[in-house]
C-alpha cells in the first residue's frame, strides 16, 4: 500500500477534533442555559440507554473492519469483498437492535423518555450506513473530515435556530441524530470507482462474526464504565439534574481529551501496515513517541482543569451548575488514563491482534466500575459515578502496562513524563491562585489559561524536552530547505534572464548576414 502521510492524516484528524471541541464550546453554554440541568439530564440518560443498542448493532465491527481493510494493502478485490461482507453481516445486528428498541418504546417501558428513545432510534439505523472503517483502513482522513465539518456546522446552526426552551429537548435530540446519520450517508458518495464488482456467491459475511465478536466483548465492557454511570445515576438518584451535572463536567474534559486520542484513529492502520511488513521496532518507536505526546499535552491539561474549574463552570454553563466544579476536577485525571490506554490498547494491542489481553484489561475496568458505582452513587450521587469512572480507567491503563511490560520499557514510558510533570506542577502553582483572584468570566479564564500556556512553554523549553526539540528541529529544517530551494530557483531564473539578451544578439547578427 502506498505509504500515506502520517502527519497529514494527523493534521486532518486534529482539524476535525478541533471542530469537535469548538462546536460544543459554542453550543454548550447556549444549550445548558436553555435546556437547564434537567433537560441536559434527560438527553444524557436517554443517550446512555440507546448506546447499549448501538453497541450491539456495531458488534465490534468499527475496530475489526478497519483492521481488516488495512491488512488488505492495495488489493482492491479483497477490500471490495470485505467491504460488502462487513456491511451485510452488520445489517442483522442493526435490525435486531432497532426492532427491540421500537418494541420497548411502543410498550411504554421508557415512560417519559419514550419520545427521546424513539428519535434516538435513528442512531441505531445510522450504523447500517457507517463506512468510515473503509477510509480509516486506507488511511484516508481528508474526505471524512470535510464531510463531518459541513454536516456538523449545519447541525450546530440548526440548534440555535430551533432549540429555544426546555420543551425543545426532543428537537435537540433529533438534530444530533440527523447529524450522525447524515454524515454516514454522505460518505457513500465518495465510493464511486473505489470498489470492484464482486459476485454474491463470493461473499461470506458469516466469516466475520467470530473476529468482530472478540472485539465486541471489550466494547460491552467499555460501555459499562462510560455509559452505565449515566444510566445508574438516573435510576438510583431519580434526578435528571444529577445527570446534567455529570454530563456537563464530563463533556468539558472530553473536549480537550479528543486532541490526544485522535492519534489513535491515525495510528491503528499505520501500525497494522508496519506489523504486516514485520517492522515491529517501528511500532515500538511509534508507541513511545505517542506516549510522550500524551504526557506532554495530557499533564498540563489535567492540572489546568483542576486549577480553572471554579473559574470556568459559572460562566460557561451558567447558574445552577455549581456541583459540576468538583466533578470536572475529578474527571481531569481521565485525560492521562484514557490517553495512555488509547496508545497501549488501540494503537498496540489491537494492531497486534492481542484481543485477549485487550479484553482482559477492559473487562477488569468494567468490573471495577460496576462494583464501585452502586454504593458510591448512593452515597455521593454524581460525584460517586465520577470517582468510579476515574478508578476504572486507571485499572484499565495499569493492566495494559503490566501486559506490555515485556514489549515496551516501563522505564522509558515514565521517563518521558518527568519534564512535562515538572512544568505542569509549576503552572498549577501559578494559575490555581489566579482562578480565585479573578472573578469567573470569559476574559479572566482566557487570561489564566494564556498565562499557564506561556509558562508551560517556557519551562518545557528550559528543560529541553526531547519531543519538543525534535519537532522544532524538523520545522527549522523544513524552513531552511524551502529557503534554499527558493534561492536556487531565483538564481536559475537570473541565469535564464542573462541568456535571453545574448540569444537575441546572436539572432540579430544572423539576420544581418542574411
Protein backbone atom coordinates (compact mmCIF):
# COMPACT_ATOMS: atom_id res chain seq x y z
CA UNK A 1 0.00 0.00 0.00
CA UNK A 2 1.17 3.48 -0.80
CA UNK A 3 2.53 4.96 2.39
CA UNK A 4 0.23 7.79 3.41
CA UNK A 5 1.49 10.91 5.07
CA UNK A 6 1.06 10.20 8.78
CA UNK A 7 1.48 13.85 9.73
CA UNK A 8 -1.09 14.91 7.13
CA UNK A 9 -3.59 12.38 8.48
CA UNK A 10 -2.95 13.61 11.99
CA UNK A 11 -3.50 17.20 10.86
CA UNK A 12 -6.79 16.16 9.24
CA UNK A 13 -7.79 14.47 12.47
CA UNK A 14 -6.69 17.44 14.58
CA UNK A 15 -8.72 19.81 12.36
CA UNK A 16 -11.77 17.63 12.89
CA UNK A 17 -11.14 17.21 16.60
CA UNK A 18 -10.64 20.96 17.00
CA UNK A 19 -14.03 21.37 15.35
CA UNK A 20 -15.42 18.76 17.75
CA UNK A 21 -14.05 20.91 20.58
CA UNK A 22 -15.05 24.32 19.20
CA UNK A 23 -18.66 23.41 18.35
CA UNK A 24 -19.52 22.25 21.91
CA UNK A 25 -17.72 25.30 23.31
CA UNK A 26 -20.10 27.41 21.22
CA UNK A 27 -23.21 25.26 21.71
CA UNK A 28 -22.87 24.07 25.34
CA UNK A 29 -23.24 27.48 27.05
CA UNK A 30 -26.40 28.09 25.00
CA UNK A 31 -27.91 24.62 25.44
CA UNK A 32 -27.07 24.38 29.15
CA UNK A 33 -28.96 27.62 29.79
CA UNK A 34 -31.90 26.81 27.51
CA UNK A 35 -32.44 23.17 28.49
CA UNK A 36 -31.24 23.57 32.10
CA UNK A 37 -29.64 20.69 34.10
CA UNK A 38 -32.91 18.72 33.95
CA UNK A 39 -33.13 18.88 30.14
CA UNK A 40 -29.46 18.02 29.69
CA UNK A 41 -30.00 15.16 32.15
CA UNK A 42 -32.97 13.78 30.19
CA UNK A 43 -30.93 13.73 26.99
CA UNK A 44 -27.91 12.23 28.78
CA UNK A 45 -29.97 9.45 30.39
CA UNK A 46 -31.76 8.60 27.12
CA UNK A 47 -28.50 8.65 25.17
CA UNK A 48 -26.94 6.27 27.71
CA UNK A 49 -29.80 3.81 27.14
CA UNK A 50 -29.65 3.96 23.33
CA UNK A 51 -25.88 3.38 23.48
CA UNK A 52 -26.46 -0.23 24.59
CA UNK A 53 -28.43 -0.82 21.37
CA UNK A 54 -25.85 0.92 19.16
CA UNK A 55 -23.08 -1.15 20.75
CA UNK A 56 -24.92 -4.37 19.90
CA UNK A 57 -25.65 -3.08 16.40
CA UNK A 58 -21.95 -2.33 15.90
CA UNK A 59 -20.92 -5.76 17.21
CA UNK A 60 -17.25 -4.72 17.37
CA UNK A 61 -17.12 -4.05 13.62
CA UNK A 62 -15.84 -0.47 13.91
CA UNK A 63 -12.36 -1.59 15.05
CA UNK A 64 -12.37 -5.03 13.41
CA UNK A 65 -13.39 -3.77 9.94
CA UNK A 66 -10.78 -1.00 9.96
CA UNK A 67 -8.09 -3.52 10.79
CA UNK A 68 -9.24 -5.96 8.07
CA UNK A 69 -9.30 -3.28 5.36
CA UNK A 70 -5.84 -2.07 6.39
CA UNK A 71 -4.48 -5.63 6.20
CA UNK A 72 -5.56 -5.91 2.52
CA UNK A 73 -2.96 -3.39 1.39
CA UNK A 74 -3.55 -2.29 -2.22
CA UNK A 75 -5.62 -5.35 -3.16
CA UNK A 76 -8.89 -3.70 -4.30
CA UNK A 77 -10.58 -7.05 -4.90
CA UNK A 78 -10.02 -8.18 -1.32
CA UNK A 79 -11.06 -4.78 0.02
CA UNK A 80 -14.27 -4.87 -2.03
CA UNK A 81 -15.20 -8.32 -0.76
CA UNK A 82 -14.53 -7.43 2.87
CA UNK A 83 -16.41 -4.13 2.50
CA UNK A 84 -19.63 -5.82 1.35
CA UNK A 85 -19.28 -8.75 3.74
CA UNK A 86 -18.96 -6.39 6.71
CA UNK A 87 -21.97 -4.34 5.65
CA UNK A 88 -24.15 -7.39 5.02
CA UNK A 89 -23.26 -9.10 8.30
CA UNK A 90 -23.85 -5.90 10.28
CA UNK A 91 -27.39 -5.44 8.94
CA UNK A 92 -28.53 -8.42 11.03
CA UNK A 93 -27.46 -6.82 14.31
CA UNK A 94 -28.78 -3.40 13.33
CA UNK A 95 -32.18 -4.95 12.55
CA UNK A 96 -32.36 -6.78 15.89
CA UNK A 97 -31.35 -3.68 17.90
CA UNK A 98 -33.78 -1.43 16.07
CA UNK A 99 -36.68 -3.87 16.49
CA UNK A 100 -36.12 -4.38 20.24
CA UNK A 101 -35.86 -0.65 20.93
CA UNK A 102 -39.06 0.12 18.98
CA UNK A 103 -40.93 -2.62 20.86
CA UNK A 104 -39.84 -1.09 24.19
CA UNK A 105 -40.91 2.38 23.00
CA UNK A 106 -44.37 1.19 21.91
CA UNK A 107 -44.87 -0.81 25.11
CA UNK A 108 -44.20 2.29 27.25
CA UNK A 109 -41.25 0.84 29.16
CA UNK A 110 -39.29 4.08 28.78
CA UNK A 111 -42.10 6.15 30.34
CA UNK A 112 -41.32 9.90 30.00
CA UNK A 113 -38.24 9.13 27.91
CA UNK A 114 -40.23 7.30 25.17
CA UNK A 115 -40.17 10.16 22.63
CA UNK A 116 -36.42 10.70 23.02
CA UNK A 117 -35.78 6.96 22.68
CA UNK A 118 -37.89 6.86 19.51
CA UNK A 119 -35.88 9.70 17.99
CA UNK A 120 -32.60 8.12 19.07
CA UNK A 121 -33.54 5.03 17.04
CA UNK A 122 -32.00 6.99 14.16
CA UNK A 123 -28.61 6.42 15.83
CA UNK A 124 -29.10 2.65 15.51
CA UNK A 125 -30.11 2.96 11.85
CA UNK A 126 -27.08 5.17 11.18
CA UNK A 127 -24.75 2.26 11.96
CA UNK A 128 -26.02 0.37 8.90
CA UNK A 129 -24.64 3.19 6.71
CA UNK A 130 -21.37 3.77 8.58
CA UNK A 131 -18.50 3.04 6.20
CA UNK A 132 -15.85 5.15 7.95
CA UNK A 133 -13.88 1.92 8.52
CA UNK A 134 -13.09 1.79 4.78
CA UNK A 135 -11.47 5.24 4.71
CA UNK A 136 -9.73 4.72 8.05
CA UNK A 137 -8.31 1.38 6.89
CA UNK A 138 -6.91 3.10 3.79
CA UNK A 139 -5.55 5.97 5.88
CA UNK A 140 -7.73 8.49 4.05
CA UNK A 141 -8.99 11.03 6.55
CA UNK A 142 -9.40 14.11 4.36
CA UNK A 143 -12.85 13.22 2.96
CA UNK A 144 -14.14 12.15 6.37
CA UNK A 145 -13.02 15.44 7.91
CA UNK A 146 -14.55 17.52 5.12
CA UNK A 147 -17.93 15.78 5.30
CA UNK A 148 -18.11 15.89 9.09
CA UNK A 149 -17.21 19.58 9.19
CA UNK A 150 -20.01 20.53 6.77
CA UNK A 151 -22.66 18.34 8.44
CA UNK A 152 -21.72 19.42 11.97
CA UNK A 153 -21.78 23.09 11.07
CA UNK A 154 -25.28 22.68 9.62
CA UNK A 155 -26.36 20.79 12.75
CA UNK A 156 -24.90 23.48 15.01
CA UNK A 157 -26.71 26.27 13.17
CA UNK A 158 -29.95 24.28 13.41
CA UNK A 159 -29.65 24.02 17.20
CA UNK A 160 -29.51 27.80 17.57
CA UNK A 161 -32.46 28.22 15.20
CA UNK A 162 -34.83 25.54 16.53
CA UNK A 163 -33.92 24.86 20.19
CA UNK A 164 -35.46 27.68 22.22
CA UNK A 165 -36.53 26.36 25.65
CA UNK A 166 -36.74 23.35 27.99
CA UNK A 167 -39.59 21.81 25.93
CA UNK A 168 -37.28 21.54 22.91
CA UNK A 169 -35.22 18.64 24.31
CA UNK A 170 -36.77 16.42 21.62
CA UNK A 171 -35.66 18.83 18.86
CA UNK A 172 -32.12 18.87 20.26
CA UNK A 173 -32.14 15.05 20.29
CA UNK A 174 -33.48 14.83 16.73
CA UNK A 175 -30.92 17.26 15.34
CA UNK A 176 -27.99 15.38 16.92
CA UNK A 177 -29.26 12.10 15.44
CA UNK A 178 -29.78 13.61 11.98
CA UNK A 179 -26.20 14.92 12.02
CA UNK A 180 -24.94 11.39 12.73
CA UNK A 181 -26.88 9.59 10.00
CA UNK A 182 -26.29 12.46 7.55
CA UNK A 183 -22.51 12.16 7.94
CA UNK A 184 -22.67 8.41 7.31
CA UNK A 185 -24.88 8.67 4.22
CA UNK A 186 -22.76 11.35 2.51
CA UNK A 187 -19.62 9.19 2.78
CA UNK A 188 -21.14 6.74 0.26
CA UNK A 189 -20.88 9.39 -2.46
CA UNK A 190 -17.06 9.17 -2.43
CA UNK A 191 -17.08 5.40 -3.06
CA UNK A 192 -17.56 5.83 -6.81
CA UNK A 193 -14.88 3.88 -8.74
CA UNK A 194 -13.24 2.82 -5.46
CA UNK A 195 -14.68 -0.69 -5.23
CA UNK A 196 -14.64 -3.52 -7.75
CA UNK A 197 -17.65 -5.61 -8.68
CA UNK A 198 -17.98 -8.78 -6.64
CA UNK A 199 -20.19 -11.82 -7.11
CA UNK A 200 -22.74 -12.52 -4.39
CA UNK A 201 -21.62 -16.16 -4.29
CA UNK A 202 -18.10 -14.99 -3.34
CA UNK A 203 -19.37 -13.17 -0.26
CA UNK A 204 -19.22 -14.95 3.09
CA UNK A 205 -20.40 -12.41 5.68
CA UNK A 206 -20.64 -15.03 8.41
CA UNK A 207 -16.86 -15.46 8.47
CA UNK A 208 -16.50 -12.10 10.22
CA UNK A 209 -18.77 -12.96 13.15
CA UNK A 210 -16.02 -14.56 15.23
CA UNK A 211 -13.43 -11.81 14.72
CA UNK A 212 -15.86 -8.96 15.40
CA UNK A 213 -17.33 -10.76 18.42
CA UNK A 214 -13.89 -10.89 20.04
CA UNK A 215 -13.79 -7.09 19.93
CA UNK A 216 -17.48 -6.86 20.84
CA UNK A 217 -16.77 -8.18 24.35
CA UNK A 218 -14.36 -5.36 25.30
CA UNK A 219 -16.78 -2.90 23.67
CA UNK A 220 -19.53 -4.06 26.03
CA UNK A 221 -17.12 -3.83 28.94
CA UNK A 222 -16.13 -0.30 27.93
CA UNK A 223 -19.76 0.76 27.87
CA UNK A 224 -20.18 -0.39 31.45
CA UNK A 225 -17.94 2.38 32.71
CA UNK A 226 -18.56 5.03 30.05
CA UNK A 227 -22.33 4.74 29.75
CA UNK A 228 -23.55 2.74 32.74
CA UNK A 229 -22.63 5.66 35.00
CA UNK A 230 -25.32 7.85 33.46
CA UNK A 231 -27.88 5.06 33.47
CA UNK A 232 -27.28 4.30 37.16
CA UNK A 233 -27.31 7.99 38.12
CA UNK A 234 -30.78 8.26 36.59
CA UNK A 235 -32.06 5.02 38.12
CA UNK A 236 -30.54 5.37 41.62
CA UNK A 237 -30.94 9.12 42.21
CA UNK A 238 -34.07 9.59 40.11
CA UNK A 239 -32.70 13.06 39.34
CA UNK A 240 -32.27 14.41 35.81
CA UNK A 241 -30.28 17.30 37.32
CA UNK A 242 -27.58 14.96 38.70
CA UNK A 243 -27.14 13.53 35.21
CA UNK A 244 -26.99 17.09 33.90
CA UNK A 245 -24.12 17.97 36.26
CA UNK A 246 -22.28 14.78 35.35
CA UNK A 247 -22.80 15.13 31.58
CA UNK A 248 -21.68 18.77 31.54
CA UNK A 249 -18.50 18.23 33.57
CA UNK A 250 -17.51 15.13 31.60
CA UNK A 251 -18.14 16.90 28.29
CA UNK A 252 -15.79 19.77 29.12
CA UNK A 253 -12.93 17.38 29.96
CA UNK A 254 -13.58 15.23 26.90
CA UNK A 255 -13.40 18.33 24.67
CA UNK A 256 -9.67 18.61 25.30
CA UNK A 257 -9.12 14.86 25.51
CA UNK A 258 -10.01 14.39 21.84
CA UNK A 259 -6.82 16.20 20.79
CA UNK A 260 -4.81 13.42 22.43
CA UNK A 261 -6.94 10.40 21.48
CA UNK A 262 -7.23 11.42 17.81
CA UNK A 263 -3.75 9.90 17.35
CA UNK A 264 -5.43 6.50 17.84
CA UNK A 265 -7.53 6.76 14.68
CA UNK A 266 -4.43 7.56 12.64
CA UNK A 267 -2.04 5.08 14.23
CA UNK A 268 -4.17 1.89 14.08
CA UNK A 269 -3.95 1.42 10.28
CA UNK A 270 -0.35 2.66 10.25
CA UNK A 271 0.74 0.14 12.87
CA UNK A 272 -1.19 -2.64 11.09
CA UNK A 273 0.85 -1.90 7.94
CA UNK A 274 4.12 -1.86 9.89
CA UNK A 275 3.26 -5.18 11.56
CA UNK A 276 2.29 -6.80 8.25
CA UNK A 277 5.73 -5.77 6.93
CA UNK A 278 7.47 -7.12 10.03
CA UNK A 279 8.57 -3.66 11.24
CA UNK A 280 7.94 -4.36 14.93
CA UNK A 281 10.66 -1.99 16.07
CA UNK A 282 8.97 0.87 14.21
CA UNK A 283 5.69 0.09 16.01
CA UNK A 284 7.52 0.42 19.34
CA UNK A 285 9.07 3.73 18.26
CA UNK A 286 5.63 4.99 17.23
CA UNK A 287 4.22 3.98 20.62
CA UNK A 288 6.97 5.69 22.65
CA UNK A 289 6.55 8.87 20.64
CA UNK A 290 2.76 8.98 21.10
CA UNK A 291 3.08 8.16 24.83
CA UNK A 292 5.48 11.09 25.17
CA UNK A 293 2.91 13.20 23.34
CA UNK A 294 0.23 12.10 25.85
CA UNK A 295 2.43 13.24 28.76
CA UNK A 296 3.37 16.48 27.01
CA UNK A 297 -0.24 17.59 26.45
CA UNK A 298 -2.12 15.49 29.00
CA UNK A 299 -0.33 16.53 32.19
CA UNK A 300 -0.76 20.30 31.75
CA UNK A 301 -4.39 19.73 30.73
CA UNK A 302 -5.06 17.67 33.87
CA UNK A 303 -3.50 20.23 36.22
CA UNK A 304 -5.10 23.04 34.25
CA UNK A 305 -8.61 21.61 34.61
CA UNK A 306 -8.18 21.27 38.37
CA UNK A 307 -6.92 24.84 38.62
CA UNK A 308 -9.52 26.65 36.48
CA UNK A 309 -12.68 24.59 37.14
CA UNK A 310 -14.10 27.08 39.66
CA UNK A 311 -13.48 29.94 37.21
CA UNK A 312 -14.86 28.18 34.10
CA UNK A 313 -18.08 26.48 35.22
CA UNK A 314 -20.05 29.58 36.38
CA UNK A 315 -19.79 31.50 33.08
CA UNK A 316 -19.54 28.53 30.72
CA UNK A 317 -22.55 26.53 31.92
CA UNK A 318 -24.50 29.27 33.72
CA UNK A 319 -26.29 29.37 37.05
CA UNK A 320 -27.22 26.13 38.77
CA UNK A 321 -24.20 24.06 37.69
CA UNK A 322 -22.01 24.61 40.77
CA UNK A 323 -21.88 20.83 41.55
CA UNK A 324 -20.09 20.33 38.21
CA UNK A 325 -16.96 22.08 39.54
CA UNK A 326 -15.78 19.21 41.74
CA UNK A 327 -16.86 16.71 39.08
CA UNK A 328 -14.71 18.46 36.48
CA UNK A 329 -11.70 18.43 38.82
CA UNK A 330 -12.04 14.69 39.46
CA UNK A 331 -12.67 13.96 35.77
CA UNK A 332 -9.40 15.73 34.84
CA UNK A 333 -7.41 12.54 35.57
CA UNK A 334 -9.18 10.87 32.62
CA UNK A 335 -7.02 12.91 30.24
CA UNK A 336 -3.98 10.87 31.26
CA UNK A 337 -5.61 7.48 31.87
CA UNK A 338 -7.68 7.40 28.67
CA UNK A 339 -4.85 8.94 26.64
CA UNK A 340 -2.47 6.24 27.86
CA UNK A 341 -4.90 3.31 27.46
CA UNK A 342 -5.67 4.55 23.94
CA UNK A 343 -1.99 4.20 23.00
CA UNK A 344 -1.44 0.87 24.72
CA UNK A 345 -4.76 -0.69 23.72
CA UNK A 346 -5.97 0.79 20.45
CA UNK A 347 -2.54 1.53 18.97
CA UNK A 348 -0.61 -1.53 20.18
CA UNK A 349 -2.73 -4.45 21.40
CA UNK A 350 -5.40 -4.16 18.68
CA UNK A 351 -3.00 -3.90 15.68
CA UNK A 352 -1.07 -6.93 17.02
CA UNK A 353 -4.43 -8.78 17.31
CA UNK A 354 -3.86 -9.33 21.01
CA UNK A 355 -7.60 -9.18 21.56
CA UNK A 356 -7.48 -11.42 24.63
CA UNK A 357 -5.22 -9.07 26.61
CA UNK A 358 -7.24 -6.08 25.38
CA UNK A 359 -10.45 -7.74 26.58
CA UNK A 360 -8.97 -8.62 29.99
CA UNK A 361 -7.94 -5.00 30.60
CA UNK A 362 -11.27 -3.51 29.53
CA UNK A 363 -13.30 -6.11 31.41
CA UNK A 364 -11.31 -5.51 34.58
CA UNK A 365 -12.11 -1.80 34.33
CA UNK A 366 -15.79 -2.58 33.79
CA UNK A 367 -15.97 -4.85 36.83
CA UNK A 368 -14.22 -2.22 38.94
CA UNK A 369 -16.69 0.40 37.74
CA UNK A 370 -19.78 -1.70 38.48
CA UNK A 371 -18.53 -2.69 41.94
CA UNK A 372 -17.82 0.93 42.89
CA UNK A 373 -20.70 2.64 41.08
CA UNK A 374 -23.71 1.38 43.03
CA UNK A 375 -22.53 2.18 46.58
CA UNK A 376 -20.76 5.43 45.60
CA UNK A 377 -23.76 6.80 43.66
CA UNK A 378 -25.99 6.02 46.67
CA UNK A 379 -23.63 7.96 48.95
CA UNK A 380 -22.29 10.73 46.69
CA UNK A 381 -24.74 10.97 43.73
CA UNK A 382 -22.96 12.10 40.51
CA UNK A 383 -19.62 12.51 42.32
CA UNK A 384 -19.69 8.80 43.14
CA UNK A 385 -20.08 7.92 39.45
CA UNK A 386 -17.21 10.29 38.59
CA UNK A 387 -14.85 8.65 41.08
CA UNK A 388 -15.86 5.20 39.78
CA UNK A 389 -15.08 6.20 36.18
CA UNK A 390 -11.64 7.54 37.03
CA UNK A 391 -10.68 4.47 39.10
CA UNK A 392 -11.94 2.16 36.33
CA UNK A 393 -9.83 3.92 33.68
CA UNK A 394 -6.81 3.75 35.99
CA UNK A 395 -7.29 -0.03 36.34
CA UNK A 396 -7.51 -0.44 32.54
CA UNK A 397 -4.28 1.50 31.99
CA UNK A 398 -2.46 -0.32 34.80
CA UNK A 399 -3.36 -3.77 33.45
CA UNK A 400 -2.32 -2.81 29.92
CA UNK A 401 1.04 -1.62 31.24
CA UNK A 402 1.52 -4.92 33.05
CA UNK A 403 0.57 -6.91 29.93
CA UNK A 404 3.01 -4.97 27.74
CA UNK A 405 5.93 -4.82 30.15
CA UNK A 406 7.86 -7.36 28.03
CA UNK A 407 7.23 -5.44 24.81
CA UNK A 408 7.63 -1.85 25.94
CA UNK A 409 10.04 -0.42 28.50
CA UNK A 410 8.11 0.84 31.55
CA UNK A 411 11.16 2.92 32.46
CA UNK A 412 11.16 4.58 29.04
CA UNK A 413 7.43 5.29 29.30
CA UNK A 414 7.64 7.09 32.65
CA UNK A 415 10.99 8.73 31.91
CA UNK A 416 9.33 10.83 29.19
CA UNK A 417 6.83 12.11 31.79
CA UNK A 418 9.36 13.75 34.12
CA UNK A 419 9.85 17.09 32.34
CA UNK A 420 6.15 17.62 31.42
CA UNK A 421 5.25 16.79 35.05
CA UNK A 422 7.68 19.37 36.47
CA UNK A 423 6.39 22.03 34.06
CA UNK A 424 2.75 21.14 34.87
CA UNK A 425 3.27 21.43 38.63
CA UNK A 426 4.85 24.86 38.12
CA UNK A 427 1.93 26.18 36.05
CA UNK A 428 -0.56 24.77 38.58
CA UNK A 429 1.20 26.65 41.40
CA UNK A 430 0.79 29.87 39.40
CA UNK A 431 -2.72 29.63 37.90
CA UNK A 432 -4.58 27.95 40.79
CA UNK A 433 -4.41 31.11 42.99
CA UNK A 434 -5.27 33.24 39.93
CA UNK A 435 -8.53 31.32 39.39
CA UNK A 436 -9.72 32.52 42.81
CA UNK A 437 -8.28 36.02 42.49
CA UNK A 438 -10.06 36.71 39.17
CA UNK A 439 -13.86 36.58 39.08
CA UNK A 440 -15.41 34.00 36.70
CA UNK A 441 -15.64 35.42 33.17
CA UNK A 442 -14.61 34.56 29.62
CA UNK A 443 -11.83 37.16 29.62
CA UNK A 444 -10.42 36.17 33.01
CA UNK A 445 -10.40 32.46 32.18
CA UNK A 446 -8.67 33.25 28.88
CA UNK A 447 -6.01 35.28 30.71
CA UNK A 448 -5.45 32.49 33.27
CA UNK A 449 -5.15 29.83 30.54
CA UNK A 450 -2.85 32.03 28.44
CA UNK A 451 -0.56 32.62 31.44
CA UNK A 452 -0.45 28.86 32.00
CA UNK A 453 0.37 28.10 28.36
CA UNK A 454 3.16 30.68 28.23
CA UNK A 455 4.75 29.49 31.48
CA UNK A 456 4.47 25.83 30.43
CA UNK A 457 6.06 26.58 27.06
CA UNK A 458 8.95 28.48 28.65
CA UNK A 459 9.62 25.82 31.29
CA UNK A 460 9.43 22.96 28.80
CA UNK A 461 11.95 24.75 26.56
CA UNK A 462 14.26 25.40 29.51
CA UNK A 463 14.06 21.71 30.42
CA UNK A 464 14.81 20.84 26.76
CA UNK A 465 12.09 18.24 26.29
CA UNK A 466 13.24 15.86 23.53
CA UNK A 467 9.98 15.61 21.60
CA UNK A 468 9.50 19.38 21.57
CA UNK A 469 13.06 19.95 20.33
CA UNK A 470 12.67 17.23 17.67
CA UNK A 471 9.54 18.92 16.34
CA UNK A 472 11.17 22.37 16.40
CA UNK A 473 14.20 20.89 14.62
CA UNK A 474 12.01 19.44 11.87
CA UNK A 475 10.24 22.78 11.42
CA UNK A 476 13.60 24.55 11.26
CA UNK A 477 14.97 22.07 8.69
CA UNK A 478 11.88 22.42 6.50
CA UNK A 479 12.05 26.21 6.69
CA UNK A 480 15.72 26.33 5.66
CA UNK A 481 15.14 23.72 2.98
CA UNK A 482 12.37 25.83 1.46
CA UNK A 483 14.57 28.94 1.70
CA UNK A 484 17.41 27.16 -0.13
CA UNK A 485 15.00 25.92 -2.81
CA UNK A 486 13.68 29.46 -3.33
CA UNK A 487 17.25 30.80 -3.60
CA UNK A 488 18.24 28.12 -6.10
CA UNK A 489 15.12 28.77 -8.19
CA UNK A 490 15.84 32.52 -8.12
CA UNK A 491 19.46 32.04 -9.22
CA UNK A 492 18.34 29.75 -12.06
CA UNK A 493 15.86 32.37 -13.26
CA UNK A 494 18.59 35.05 -13.18
CA UNK A 495 20.82 32.86 -15.36
CA UNK A 496 17.93 32.35 -17.77
CA UNK A 497 17.32 36.10 -17.95
CA UNK A 498 21.02 36.69 -18.70
CA UNK A 499 20.94 34.17 -21.53
CA UNK A 500 17.93 35.79 -23.23
CA UNK A 501 19.72 39.04 -24.33
CA UNK A 502 22.69 37.03 -25.58
CA UNK A 503 20.40 34.80 -27.66
CA UNK A 504 18.66 37.86 -29.13
CA UNK A 505 22.02 39.44 -30.05
CA UNK A 506 23.08 36.29 -31.88
CA UNK A 507 19.76 36.26 -33.78
CA UNK A 508 20.33 39.89 -34.90
CA UNK A 509 23.83 39.05 -36.20
CA UNK A 510 22.48 36.14 -38.21
CA UNK A 511 19.73 38.33 -39.68
CA UNK A 512 22.32 40.96 -40.81
CA UNK A 513 24.44 38.33 -42.54
CA UNK A 514 21.38 37.04 -44.37
